[in-house]
Amino acid sequence: MDNYVYHDRKMMKWMPFNALLEQSDYLKELFYGRTRKEMPIISPDQEADLNYKLEIAYLFNSEIIITYFQDGNFIEVEGIITRTDLYNKLIFINEKEISAKRIISIEII
């Protein structure tokens, strides 16, 4: 009995409850809630700095790294701004569409 090592099954022990539809949805939401992050609040000063960096990068055709928030994750995109949509507040980097409201940080390379 001294050689026995307990191996925890972690979340595997809850898989039999996955058979019920309501339980399945609840467990997916529970797993998602553990890793989900909240979007940070951007102050007016930070927003002005982001706007300035975007303007400089667009005017001088500079390569940038943009970090933006989407579905509980922070995503980084590197490239050159190809076009902007002022009406919908969208920025296109290498044909990837990014909402300007979701941008957290901008780094000019």
Protein backbone atom coordinates (compact mmCIF):
# COMPACT_ATOMS: atom_id res chain seq x y z
CA MET A 1 0.00 0.00 0.00
CA ASP A 2 2.99 2.33 0.39
CA ASN A 3 3.60 2.33 -3.37
CA TYR A 4 0.10 3.59 -4.24
CA VAL A 5 0.01 7.03 -5.92
CA TYR A 6 -3.31 8.80 -6.35
CA HIS A 7 -3.85 10.11 -9.89
CA ASP A 8 -6.49 12.83 -10.04
CA ARG A 9 -8.76 12.60 -13.07
CA LYS A 10 -9.34 16.37 -12.93
CA MET A 11 -12.32 17.26 -15.13
CA MET A 12 -12.63 13.75 -16.61
CA LYS A 13 -14.80 12.73 -13.68
CA TRP A 14 -17.49 15.15 -14.89
CA MET A 15 -17.68 13.78 -18.45
CA PRO A 16 -20.57 11.32 -17.71
CA PHE A 17 -22.73 14.38 -16.98
CA ASN A 18 -22.00 15.56 -20.51
CA ALA A 19 -24.77 13.25 -21.76
CA LEU A 20 -27.46 15.72 -20.73
CA LEU A 21 -27.85 18.65 -23.11
CA GLU A 22 -28.21 21.24 -20.38
CA GLN A 23 -25.21 19.86 -18.54
CA SER A 24 -23.17 19.92 -21.74
CA ASP A 25 -23.91 23.61 -22.32
CA TYR A 26 -23.20 24.41 -18.67
CA LEU A 27 -19.86 22.55 -18.73
CA LYS A 28 -18.77 24.33 -21.94
CA GLU A 29 -19.60 27.68 -20.36
CA LEU A 30 -17.74 26.66 -17.20
CA PHE A 31 -14.60 25.68 -19.16
CA TYR A 32 -14.79 28.89 -21.21
CA GLY A 33 -15.27 31.03 -18.09
CA ARG A 34 -12.05 29.77 -16.56
CA THR A 35 -9.84 31.03 -19.38
CA ARG A 36 -11.87 34.07 -20.38
CA LYS A 37 -10.35 37.50 -19.81
CA GLU A 38 -12.09 40.85 -19.63
CA MET A 39 -11.29 43.66 -22.04
CA PRO A 40 -9.20 46.31 -20.30
CA ILE A 41 -10.61 49.81 -20.07
CA ILE A 42 -8.71 52.35 -22.17
CA SER A 43 -8.36 55.85 -20.71
CA PRO A 44 -8.82 58.94 -22.92
CA ASP A 45 -5.06 59.57 -22.80
CA GLN A 46 -4.32 56.03 -23.95
CA GLU A 47 -6.95 56.37 -26.68
CA ALA A 48 -5.33 59.58 -27.94
CA ASP A 49 -1.92 57.85 -27.97
CA LEU A 50 -3.35 54.91 -29.95
CA ASN A 51 -4.93 57.29 -32.46
CA TYR A 52 -1.63 59.15 -32.86
CA LYS A 53 0.30 55.91 -33.45
CA LEU A 54 -2.27 54.72 -35.98
CA GLU A 55 -2.10 58.00 -37.86
CA ILE A 56 1.71 57.97 -37.97
CA ALA A 57 1.81 54.32 -39.08
CA TYR A 58 -0.74 54.94 -41.83
CA LEU A 59 0.88 58.13 -43.14
CA PHE A 60 4.43 56.76 -43.23
CA ASN A 61 3.41 53.23 -44.25
CA SER A 62 5.22 51.80 -41.21
CA GLU A 63 5.09 48.22 -40.03
CA ILE A 64 3.24 47.84 -36.73
CA ILE A 65 2.21 45.25 -34.19
CA ILE A 66 -1.38 45.64 -33.01
CA THR A 67 -2.73 43.81 -29.97
CA TYR A 68 -6.51 43.63 -29.88
CA PHE A 69 -9.16 41.91 -27.80
CA GLN A 70 -11.53 39.34 -29.30
CA ASP A 71 -13.70 36.71 -27.61
CA GLY A 72 -11.83 36.79 -24.32
CA ASN A 73 -8.36 36.59 -25.87
CA PHE A 74 -5.62 39.03 -26.79
CA ILE A 75 -4.53 38.64 -30.41
CA GLU A 76 -1.45 40.17 -32.03
CA VAL A 77 -1.23 41.09 -35.71
CA GLU A 78 1.91 42.33 -37.43
CA GLY A 79 1.95 44.14 -40.74
CA ILE A 80 1.29 47.35 -42.63
CA ILE A 81 -2.07 49.13 -42.63
CA THR A 82 -3.47 48.58 -46.12
CA ARG A 83 -6.67 50.59 -45.73
CA THR A 84 -9.10 52.02 -43.19
CA ASP A 85 -12.87 52.29 -43.01
CA LEU A 86 -13.67 55.46 -41.07
CA TYR A 87 -17.44 54.93 -41.17
CA ASN A 88 -17.31 51.48 -39.52
CA LYS A 89 -14.07 52.23 -37.61
CA LEU A 90 -12.18 49.30 -39.12
CA ILE A 91 -8.48 48.90 -39.84
CA PHE A 92 -7.18 46.42 -42.40
CA ILE A 93 -3.74 44.89 -41.93
CA ASN A 94 -2.80 42.38 -44.62
CA GLU A 95 -6.53 42.02 -45.39
CA LYS A 96 -7.29 41.19 -41.74
CA GLU A 97 -10.16 43.30 -40.45
CA ILE A 98 -9.72 44.79 -36.95
CA SER A 99 -12.23 46.95 -35.11
CA ALA A 100 -10.60 50.13 -33.80
CA LYS A 101 -12.67 49.85 -30.62
CA ARG A 102 -10.97 46.55 -29.74
CA ILE A 103 -7.35 47.72 -30.03
CA ILE A 104 -5.39 47.51 -26.78
CA SER A 105 -1.89 48.50 -27.88
CA ILE A 106 0.09 49.54 -30.95
CA GLU A 107 3.84 49.21 -31.42
CA ILE A 108 5.57 50.82 -34.38
CA ILE A 109 8.50 48.72 -35.60
